[in-house]
Amino acid sequence: MTLVFARRGAADVAPENSLVAIEHALRDGVDGIEVEARLSRDAELVVIRDASVSVSSVAHDGAAKANDGAVEQRVLVEQLTLAELKTVDIGGRHDGCGGTRIPTLAEVFDLLAGSDAHLVVDIKEDPQHREGASPAAIAVAELVRKRDLHDRVTLTSTNHISMAAISVAHPKLQVGLRHLVVMEESAQYAAELGAGSLHPVSVGAAVGDVNDEERSVMVCASTLVAAFWPVSEEDQLDQLFELGVDAVVTDSYQSALTRRGASA
């Protein structure tokens, strides 16, 4: 059965990647959650998609507030400490979610402890990092190891060099590769890098006119796992359920759960 993962939790009813959004999706019965993680200035793992946040009247690095008024600016997450990031209100666009804070990855792990859901952590890394595992990937791997969550957490990234290094350093960890298209050589490529799963991010290319050999690669008849995202269109979901892919990561997880049941 194809597993359904909620992309960034229930992002339609609560701030994406927030504990509220994740908890909401878990109550709705998803098989797993996909979140994004990156490092703060003080090397704390925070769960947030964007590389920067809107900071209002926050003086970091000792900078003074201008004219005693509110100062609105975009600041890189990597330039703010966890304490500073925790002052950012990410709930303004959702009714009743004012005061929602950016969670740490550790807090997300705590929340998942009460369920049997799987977690995919999309690690946001420096695109220029080209040697070994990135600091963010190392931090995520260490946290998974300390929590003994090897069987419930998958690390993924578009930085395949970093993921390959993590696979060597932590052979028990589940590691995936995000990439743009499904290729005939994808399974072999992933296996050579030590990855246990493929995460194509171009669904249009993935479920277009493909031959039987390519379909077999997509469903990964080998030991690899194929998870596709982001998937939101109903016809795309139906095609992937028909193909029998291992998992879909979607913003429309409620529709996906319904359509999966109908296709069973």
C-alpha atoms as a PDB file:
ATOM      1  CA  MET A   1       0.000   0.000   0.000  1.00  0.00           C
ATOM      2  CA  THR A   2       1.255   3.454  -0.899  1.00  0.00           C
ATOM      3  CA  LEU A   3       1.998   5.489   2.214  1.00  0.00           C
ATOM      4  CA  VAL A   4       0.713   9.059   2.496  1.00  0.00           C
ATOM      5  CA  PHE A   5       2.966  11.719   4.003  1.00  0.00           C
ATOM      6  CA  ALA A   6       1.759  15.185   4.942  1.00  0.00           C
ATOM      7  CA  ARG A   7       4.110  17.767   3.493  1.00  0.00           C
ATOM      8  CA  ARG A   8       4.996  20.180   6.320  1.00  0.00           C
ATOM      9  CA  GLY A   9       2.033  18.849   8.311  1.00  0.00           C
ATOM     10  CA  ALA A  10      -1.478  20.239   7.891  1.00  0.00           C
ATOM     11  CA  ALA A  11      -0.173  23.434   6.303  1.00  0.00           C
ATOM     12  CA  ASP A  12      -3.632  24.469   5.088  1.00  0.00           C
ATOM     13  CA  VAL A  13      -4.995  24.878   8.624  1.00  0.00           C
ATOM     14  CA  ALA A  14      -1.876  25.810  10.611  1.00  0.00           C
ATOM     15  CA  PRO A  15       1.561  27.291   9.947  1.00  0.00           C
ATOM     16  CA  GLU A  16       3.658  24.895   7.892  1.00  0.00           C
ATOM     17  CA  ASN A  17       6.229  22.840   9.785  1.00  0.00           C
ATOM     18  CA  SER A  18       4.711  23.926  13.114  1.00  0.00           C
ATOM     19  CA  LEU A  19       3.908  21.534  15.941  1.00  0.00           C
ATOM     20  CA  VAL A  20       0.228  22.434  15.535  1.00  0.00           C
ATOM     21  CA  ALA A  21       0.282  21.484  11.847  1.00  0.00           C
ATOM     22  CA  ILE A  22       2.124  18.239  12.515  1.00  0.00           C
ATOM     23  CA  GLU A  23      -0.200  17.224  15.351  1.00  0.00           C
ATOM     24  CA  HIS A  24      -3.252  17.999  13.202  1.00  0.00           C
ATOM     25  CA  ALA A  25      -2.012  15.765  10.372  1.00  0.00           C
ATOM     26  CA  LEU A  26      -1.208  12.945  12.777  1.00  0.00           C
ATOM     27  CA  ARG A  27      -4.766  13.088  14.151  1.00  0.00           C
ATOM     28  CA  ASP A  28      -6.054  12.832  10.587  1.00  0.00           C
ATOM     29  CA  GLY A  29      -4.283   9.503  10.207  1.00  0.00           C
ATOM     30  CA  VAL A  30      -1.375  10.141   7.850  1.00  0.00           C
ATOM     31  CA  ASP A  31       1.348   7.534   7.673  1.00  0.00           C
ATOM     32  CA  GLY A  32       4.094  10.084   8.030  1.00  0.00           C
ATOM     33  CA  ILE A  33       5.190  13.700   8.045  1.00  0.00           C
ATOM     34  CA  GLU A  34       7.733  15.557   5.922  1.00  0.00           C
ATOM     35  CA  VAL A  35       9.484  18.556   7.460  1.00  0.00           C
ATOM     36  CA  GLU A  36      12.452  20.734   6.614  1.00  0.00           C
ATOM     37  CA  ALA A  37      15.310  21.440   8.998  1.00  0.00           C
ATOM     38  CA  ARG A  38      18.251  23.815   9.049  1.00  0.00           C
ATOM     39  CA  LEU A  39      20.790  25.105  11.560  1.00  0.00           C
ATOM     40  CA  SER A  40      20.541  28.272  13.619  1.00  0.00           C
ATOM     41  CA  ARG A  41      23.562  30.440  14.384  1.00  0.00           C
ATOM     42  CA  ASP A  42      24.178  28.512  17.597  1.00  0.00           C
ATOM     43  CA  ALA A  43      23.959  25.151  15.780  1.00  0.00           C
ATOM     44  CA  GLU A  44      20.437  24.239  16.892  1.00  0.00           C
ATOM     45  CA  LEU A  45      18.235  22.334  14.451  1.00  0.00           C
ATOM     46  CA  VAL A  46      15.093  24.308  13.701  1.00  0.00           C
ATOM     47  CA  VAL A  47      12.195  23.173  11.536  1.00  0.00           C
ATOM     48  CA  ILE A  48      11.542  25.820   8.907  1.00  0.00           C
ATOM     49  CA  ARG A  49      11.432  25.902   5.119  1.00  0.00           C
ATOM     50  CA  ASP A  50      12.636  29.411   4.333  1.00  0.00           C
ATOM     51  CA  ALA A  51      16.269  30.433   4.642  1.00  0.00           C
ATOM     52  CA  SER A  52      15.209  33.722   6.236  1.00  0.00           C
ATOM     53  CA  VAL A  53      12.531  34.959   8.619  1.00  0.00           C
ATOM     54  CA  SER A  54      10.726  38.237   9.066  1.00  0.00           C
ATOM     55  CA  VAL A  55      11.987  39.750  12.280  1.00  0.00           C
ATOM     56  CA  SER A  56      10.146  42.628  13.917  1.00  0.00           C
ATOM     57  CA  SER A  57      11.866  44.763  16.546  1.00  0.00           C
ATOM     58  CA  VAL A  58      14.413  42.094  17.354  1.00  0.00           C
ATOM     59  CA  ALA A  59      17.915  43.350  17.986  1.00  0.00           C
ATOM     60  CA  HIS A  60      20.385  40.576  17.352  1.00  0.00           C
ATOM     61  CA  ASP A  61      24.168  40.802  17.549  1.00  0.00           C
ATOM     62  CA  GLY A  62      23.617  43.766  19.871  1.00  0.00           C
ATOM     63  CA  ALA A  63      22.108  45.957  17.154  1.00  0.00           C
ATOM     64  CA  ALA A  64      19.874  48.718  18.514  1.00  0.00           C
ATOM     65  CA  LYS A  65      16.286  49.253  17.433  1.00  0.00           C
ATOM     66  CA  ALA A  66      15.843  52.205  15.133  1.00  0.00           C
ATOM     67  CA  ASN A  67      13.809  55.197  16.307  1.00  0.00           C
ATOM     68  CA  ASP A  68      12.240  53.161  19.110  1.00  0.00           C
ATOM     69  CA  GLY A  69       9.791  51.807  16.527  1.00  0.00           C
ATOM     70  CA  ALA A  70       9.099  48.417  15.029  1.00  0.00           C
ATOM     71  CA  VAL A  71      11.788  47.311  12.618  1.00  0.00           C
ATOM     72  CA  GLU A  72      10.719  44.776  10.003  1.00  0.00           C
ATOM     73  CA  GLN A  73      13.466  42.964   8.147  1.00  0.00           C
ATOM     74  CA  ARG A  74      14.329  39.611   6.636  1.00  0.00           C
ATOM     75  CA  VAL A  75      17.167  37.908   8.461  1.00  0.00           C
ATOM     76  CA  LEU A  76      18.824  34.608   7.580  1.00  0.00           C
ATOM     77  CA  VAL A  77      18.000  31.777   9.971  1.00  0.00           C
ATOM     78  CA  GLU A  78      21.693  30.936  10.180  1.00  0.00           C
ATOM     79  CA  GLN A  79      22.349  34.440  11.538  1.00  0.00           C
ATOM     80  CA  LEU A  80      19.917  34.091  14.451  1.00  0.00           C
ATOM     81  CA  THR A  81      20.231  32.093  17.647  1.00  0.00           C
ATOM     82  CA  LEU A  82      17.527  29.689  18.734  1.00  0.00           C
ATOM     83  CA  ALA A  83      16.426  32.148  21.413  1.00  0.00           C
ATOM     84  CA  GLU A  84      16.010  34.855  18.784  1.00  0.00           C
ATOM     85  CA  LEU A  85      14.171  32.530  16.414  1.00  0.00           C
ATOM     86  CA  LYS A  86      11.770  31.584  19.207  1.00  0.00           C
ATOM     87  CA  THR A  87      10.602  35.208  19.342  1.00  0.00           C
ATOM     88  CA  VAL A  88       9.334  35.020  15.753  1.00  0.00           C
ATOM     89  CA  ASP A  89       5.560  34.598  15.440  1.00  0.00           C
ATOM     90  CA  ILE A  90       4.831  32.362  12.430  1.00  0.00           C
ATOM     91  CA  GLY A  91       1.086  32.078  13.004  1.00  0.00           C
ATOM     92  CA  GLY A  92      -0.167  35.397  11.698  1.00  0.00           C
ATOM     93  CA  ARG A  93      -1.655  34.082   8.446  1.00  0.00           C
ATOM     94  CA  HIS A  94      -3.805  31.433  10.128  1.00  0.00           C
ATOM     95  CA  ASP A  95      -6.833  32.202  12.288  1.00  0.00           C
ATOM     96  CA  GLY A  96      -6.316  31.273  15.902  1.00  0.00           C
ATOM     97  CA  CYS A  97      -2.624  30.493  15.447  1.00  0.00           C
ATOM     98  CA  GLY A  98      -1.120  33.732  16.693  1.00  0.00           C
ATOM     99  CA  GLY A  99       1.918  33.161  18.852  1.00  0.00           C
ATOM    100  CA  THR A 100       2.943  29.944  17.085  1.00  0.00           C
ATOM    101  CA  ARG A 101       6.705  29.489  17.279  1.00  0.00           C
ATOM    102  CA  ILE A 102       9.306  27.801  15.113  1.00  0.00           C
ATOM    103  CA  PRO A 103       9.884  24.325  16.556  1.00  0.00           C
ATOM    104  CA  THR A 104      13.172  22.553  16.992  1.00  0.00           C
ATOM    105  CA  LEU A 105      13.654  19.152  15.409  1.00  0.00           C
ATOM    106  CA  ALA A 106      13.949  17.717  18.914  1.00  0.00           C
ATOM    107  CA  GLU A 107      10.470  19.049  19.700  1.00  0.00           C
ATOM    108  CA  VAL A 108       9.118  17.379  16.567  1.00  0.00           C
ATOM    109  CA  PHE A 109      10.705  14.103  17.666  1.00  0.00           C
ATOM    110  CA  ASP A 110       9.028  14.505  21.064  1.00  0.00           C
ATOM    111  CA  LEU A 111       5.656  14.961  19.374  1.00  0.00           C
ATOM    112  CA  LEU A 112       6.109  11.870  17.222  1.00  0.00           C
ATOM    113  CA  ALA A 113       6.854   9.755  20.275  1.00  0.00           C
ATOM    114  CA  GLY A 114       3.123   9.338  20.830  1.00  0.00           C
ATOM    115  CA  SER A 115       2.509   7.873  17.378  1.00  0.00           C
ATOM    116  CA  ASP A 116       3.874   5.268  14.998  1.00  0.00           C
ATOM    117  CA  ALA A 117       4.226   7.724  12.113  1.00  0.00           C
ATOM    118  CA  HIS A 118       7.389   7.987  10.065  1.00  0.00           C
ATOM    119  CA  LEU A 119       9.261  11.261   9.588  1.00  0.00           C
ATOM    120  CA  VAL A 120      11.143  12.471   6.526  1.00  0.00           C
ATOM    121  CA  VAL A 121      13.584  15.281   7.308  1.00  0.00           C
ATOM    122  CA  ASP A 122      14.502  17.349   4.270  1.00  0.00           C
ATOM    123  CA  ILE A 123      17.822  18.888   5.283  1.00  0.00           C
ATOM    124  CA  LYS A 124      18.398  22.401   4.021  1.00  0.00           C
ATOM    125  CA  GLU A 125      22.121  22.599   3.397  1.00  0.00           C
ATOM    126  CA  ASP A 126      24.637  24.970   1.907  1.00  0.00           C
ATOM    127  CA  PRO A 127      24.404  24.288  -1.857  1.00  0.00           C
ATOM    128  CA  GLN A 128      28.126  25.038  -2.117  1.00  0.00           C
ATOM    129  CA  HIS A 129      29.042  22.231   0.302  1.00  0.00           C
ATOM    130  CA  ARG A 130      30.938  19.704  -1.796  1.00  0.00           C
ATOM    131  CA  GLU A 131      33.016  17.640   0.612  1.00  0.00           C
ATOM    132  CA  GLY A 132      31.692  15.124   3.104  1.00  0.00           C
ATOM    133  CA  ALA A 133      28.586  15.544   5.206  1.00  0.00           C
ATOM    134  CA  SER A 134      27.341  19.060   5.867  1.00  0.00           C
ATOM    135  CA  PRO A 135      27.078  20.389   9.442  1.00  0.00           C
ATOM    136  CA  ALA A 136      23.270  20.281   9.217  1.00  0.00           C
ATOM    137  CA  ALA A 137      23.243  16.667   8.020  1.00  0.00           C
ATOM    138  CA  ILE A 138      25.677  15.643  10.753  1.00  0.00           C
ATOM    139  CA  ALA A 139      23.501  17.319  13.387  1.00  0.00           C
ATOM    140  CA  VAL A 140      20.333  15.574  12.176  1.00  0.00           C
ATOM    141  CA  ALA A 141      22.083  12.204  12.017  1.00  0.00           C
ATOM    142  CA  GLU A 142      23.420  12.608  15.550  1.00  0.00           C
ATOM    143  CA  LEU A 143      19.996  13.534  16.911  1.00  0.00           C
ATOM    144  CA  VAL A 144      18.392  10.511  15.249  1.00  0.00           C
ATOM    145  CA  ARG A 145      21.127   8.293  16.670  1.00  0.00           C
ATOM    146  CA  LYS A 146      20.764   9.698  20.189  1.00  0.00           C
ATOM    147  CA  ARG A 147      16.993   9.223  20.093  1.00  0.00           C
ATOM    148  CA  ASP A 148      17.367   5.732  18.577  1.00  0.00           C
ATOM    149  CA  LEU A 149      14.922   6.584  15.784  1.00  0.00           C
ATOM    150  CA  HIS A 150      16.762   4.830  12.966  1.00  0.00           C
ATOM    151  CA  ASP A 151      13.652   2.923  11.912  1.00  0.00           C
ATOM    152  CA  ARG A 152      11.304   5.928  12.005  1.00  0.00           C
ATOM    153  CA  VAL A 153      13.248   8.785  10.443  1.00  0.00           C
ATOM    154  CA  THR A 154      14.572   9.198   6.909  1.00  0.00           C
ATOM    155  CA  LEU A 155      17.097  11.883   6.038  1.00  0.00           C
ATOM    156  CA  THR A 156      16.937  13.401   2.567  1.00  0.00           C
ATOM    157  CA  SER A 157      18.569  16.255   0.690  1.00  0.00           C
ATOM    158  CA  THR A 158      19.360  17.560  -2.764  1.00  0.00           C
ATOM    159  CA  ASN A 159      23.012  17.493  -1.669  1.00  0.00           C
ATOM    160  CA  HIS A 160      23.843  13.928  -2.635  1.00  0.00           C
ATOM    161  CA  ILE A 161      27.489  14.235  -1.578  1.00  0.00           C
ATOM    162  CA  SER A 162      26.386  15.002   1.950  1.00  0.00           C
ATOM    163  CA  MET A 163      23.881  12.141   2.020  1.00  0.00           C
ATOM    164  CA  ALA A 164      26.476   9.683   0.727  1.00  0.00           C
ATOM    165  CA  ALA A 165      28.851  10.702   3.512  1.00  0.00           C
ATOM    166  CA  ILE A 166      26.110  10.279   6.120  1.00  0.00           C
ATOM    167  CA  SER A 167      25.320   6.811   4.772  1.00  0.00           C
ATOM    168  CA  VAL A 168      28.955   5.784   5.251  1.00  0.00           C
ATOM    169  CA  ALA A 169      29.278   7.318   8.715  1.00  0.00           C
ATOM    170  CA  HIS A 170      25.885   6.050   9.925  1.00  0.00           C
ATOM    171  CA  PRO A 171      25.034   2.842   8.039  1.00  0.00           C
ATOM    172  CA  LYS A 172      21.969   2.214  10.232  1.00  0.00           C
ATOM    173  CA  LEU A 173      20.326   5.482   9.194  1.00  0.00           C
ATOM    174  CA  GLN A 174      17.710   5.637   6.451  1.00  0.00           C
ATOM    175  CA  VAL A 175      18.980   8.013   3.781  1.00  0.00           C
ATOM    176  CA  GLY A 176      17.209   9.264   0.660  1.00  0.00           C
ATOM    177  CA  LEU A 177      18.124  11.385  -2.345  1.00  0.00           C
ATOM    178  CA  ARG A 178      15.968  14.209  -3.646  1.00  0.00           C
ATOM    179  CA  HIS A 179      16.306  14.676  -7.387  1.00  0.00           C
ATOM    180  CA  LEU A 180      14.414  16.267 -10.243  1.00  0.00           C
ATOM    181  CA  VAL A 181      13.530  13.359 -12.487  1.00  0.00           C
ATOM    182  CA  VAL A 182      13.215   9.588 -12.548  1.00  0.00           C
ATOM    183  CA  MET A 183      15.931   8.073 -14.698  1.00  0.00           C
ATOM    184  CA  GLU A 184      16.538   4.499 -15.729  1.00  0.00           C
ATOM    185  CA  GLU A 185      19.821   4.687 -13.833  1.00  0.00           C
ATOM    186  CA  SER A 186      18.319   6.264 -10.714  1.00  0.00           C
ATOM    187  CA  ALA A 187      18.131   3.076  -8.666  1.00  0.00           C
ATOM    188  CA  GLN A 188      21.717   2.115  -9.453  1.00  0.00           C
ATOM    189  CA  TYR A 189      22.893   5.660  -8.751  1.00  0.00           C
ATOM    190  CA  ALA A 190      21.185   5.742  -5.358  1.00  0.00           C
ATOM    191  CA  ALA A 191      22.510   2.323  -4.418  1.00  0.00           C
ATOM    192  CA  GLU A 192      26.055   3.351  -5.309  1.00  0.00           C
ATOM    193  CA  LEU A 193      25.743   6.324  -2.953  1.00  0.00           C
ATOM    194  CA  GLY A 194      24.393   4.135  -0.164  1.00  0.00           C
ATOM    195  CA  ALA A 195      20.882   5.617  -0.241  1.00  0.00           C
ATOM    196  CA  GLY A 196      17.896   3.466   0.588  1.00  0.00           C
ATOM    197  CA  SER A 197      15.261   5.644  -1.060  1.00  0.00           C
ATOM    198  CA  LEU A 198      14.641   7.906  -4.036  1.00  0.00           C
ATOM    199  CA  HIS A 199      12.646  11.122  -3.725  1.00  0.00           C
ATOM    200  CA  PRO A 200      11.803  12.496  -7.192  1.00  0.00           C
ATOM    201  CA  VAL A 201      10.495  16.046  -6.989  1.00  0.00           C
ATOM    202  CA  SER A 202       9.229  16.416 -10.548  1.00  0.00           C
ATOM    203  CA  VAL A 203       6.007  14.450 -10.572  1.00  0.00           C
ATOM    204  CA  GLY A 204       5.010  15.668 -14.006  1.00  0.00           C
ATOM    205  CA  ALA A 205       8.054  14.011 -15.503  1.00  0.00           C
ATOM    206  CA  ALA A 206       7.643  10.984 -13.287  1.00  0.00           C
ATOM    207  CA  VAL A 207       4.109  10.020 -14.264  1.00  0.00           C
ATOM    208  CA  GLY A 208       4.128  11.084 -17.882  1.00  0.00           C
ATOM    209  CA  ASP A 209       4.656   8.785 -20.840  1.00  0.00           C
ATOM    210  CA  VAL A 210       6.914   6.129 -19.387  1.00  0.00           C
ATOM    211  CA  ASN A 211       7.628   2.613 -20.561  1.00  0.00           C
ATOM    212  CA  ASP A 212       7.366  -0.556 -18.496  1.00  0.00           C
ATOM    213  CA  GLU A 213      11.064  -0.567 -17.647  1.00  0.00           C
ATOM    214  CA  GLU A 214      10.885   2.979 -16.334  1.00  0.00           C
ATOM    215  CA  ARG A 215       7.770   2.110 -14.330  1.00  0.00           C
ATOM    216  CA  SER A 216       9.652  -0.719 -12.650  1.00  0.00           C
ATOM    217  CA  VAL A 217      12.334   1.775 -11.672  1.00  0.00           C
ATOM    218  CA  MET A 218       9.697   4.134 -10.290  1.00  0.00           C
ATOM    219  CA  VAL A 219       8.178   1.547  -7.981  1.00  0.00           C
ATOM    220  CA  CYS A 220      11.661   0.339  -7.075  1.00  0.00           C
ATOM    221  CA  ALA A 221      11.244  -3.413  -7.201  1.00  0.00           C
ATOM    222  CA  SER A 222      14.678  -3.563  -5.572  1.00  0.00           C
ATOM    223  CA  THR A 223      15.239  -2.682  -1.940  1.00  0.00           C
ATOM    224  CA  LEU A 224      14.914   1.028  -2.684  1.00  0.00           C
ATOM    225  CA  VAL A 225      11.886   3.061  -1.676  1.00  0.00           C
ATOM    226  CA  ALA A 226      10.335   5.542  -4.103  1.00  0.00           C
ATOM    227  CA  ALA A 227       8.603   8.543  -2.550  1.00  0.00           C
ATOM    228  CA  PHE A 228       7.249  11.277  -4.813  1.00  0.00           C
ATOM    229  CA  TRP A 229       6.579  14.906  -3.906  1.00  0.00           C
ATOM    230  CA  PRO A 230       5.070  17.376  -3.976  1.00  0.00           C
ATOM    231  CA  VAL A 231       1.912  15.688  -5.255  1.00  0.00           C
ATOM    232  CA  SER A 232      -1.358  17.621  -5.101  1.00  0.00           C
ATOM    233  CA  GLU A 233      -3.268  17.045  -8.328  1.00  0.00           C
ATOM    234  CA  GLU A 234      -5.824  14.246  -8.070  1.00  0.00           C
ATOM    235  CA  ASP A 235      -4.870  12.689 -11.409  1.00  0.00           C
ATOM    236  CA  GLN A 236      -1.240  12.549 -10.290  1.00  0.00           C
ATOM    237  CA  LEU A 237      -2.232  10.866  -7.050  1.00  0.00           C
ATOM    238  CA  ASP A 238      -4.365   8.328  -8.899  1.00  0.00           C
ATOM    239  CA  GLN A 239      -1.538   7.485 -11.291  1.00  0.00           C
ATOM    240  CA  LEU A 240       0.961   7.017  -8.495  1.00  0.00           C
ATOM    241  CA  PHE A 241      -1.448   4.838  -6.505  1.00  0.00           C
ATOM    242  CA  GLU A 242      -2.024   2.772  -9.643  1.00  0.00           C
ATOM    243  CA  LEU A 243       1.719   2.404 -10.139  1.00  0.00           C
ATOM    244  CA  GLY A 244       2.071   1.251  -6.559  1.00  0.00           C
ATOM    245  CA  VAL A 245       4.855   3.618  -5.555  1.00  0.00           C
ATOM    246  CA  ASP A 246       5.959   3.285  -1.979  1.00  0.00           C
ATOM    247  CA  ALA A 247       4.934   6.745  -0.800  1.00  0.00           C
ATOM    248  CA  VAL A 248       3.643  10.151  -1.810  1.00  0.00           C
ATOM    249  CA  VAL A 249       4.383  13.401  -0.009  1.00  0.00           C
ATOM    250  CA  THR A 250       1.522  15.813  -0.519  1.00  0.00           C
ATOM    251  CA  ASP A 251      -0.049  19.077   0.581  1.00  0.00           C
ATOM    252  CA  SER A 252      -3.446  17.444  -0.088  1.00  0.00           C
ATOM    253  CA  TYR A 253      -3.069  14.509   2.259  1.00  0.00           C
ATOM    254  CA  GLN A 254      -6.782  14.262   3.101  1.00  0.00           C
ATOM    255  CA  SER A 255      -7.637  13.866  -0.575  1.00  0.00           C
ATOM    256  CA  ALA A 256      -4.790  11.387  -0.918  1.00  0.00           C
ATOM    257  CA  LEU A 257      -6.073   9.267   1.971  1.00  0.00           C
ATOM    258  CA  THR A 258      -9.566   9.236   0.459  1.00  0.00           C
ATOM    259  CA  ARG A 259      -8.367   8.380  -3.042  1.00  0.00           C
ATOM    260  CA  ARG A 260      -6.045   5.689  -1.751  1.00  0.00           C
ATOM    261  CA  GLY A 261      -8.979   4.052   0.002  1.00  0.00           C
ATOM    262  CA  ALA A 262     -11.062   4.215  -3.166  1.00  0.00           C
ATOM    263  CA  SER A 263      -8.294   2.630  -5.225  1.00  0.00           C
ATOM    264  CA  ALA A 264      -7.735  -0.256  -2.830  1.00  0.00           C
END
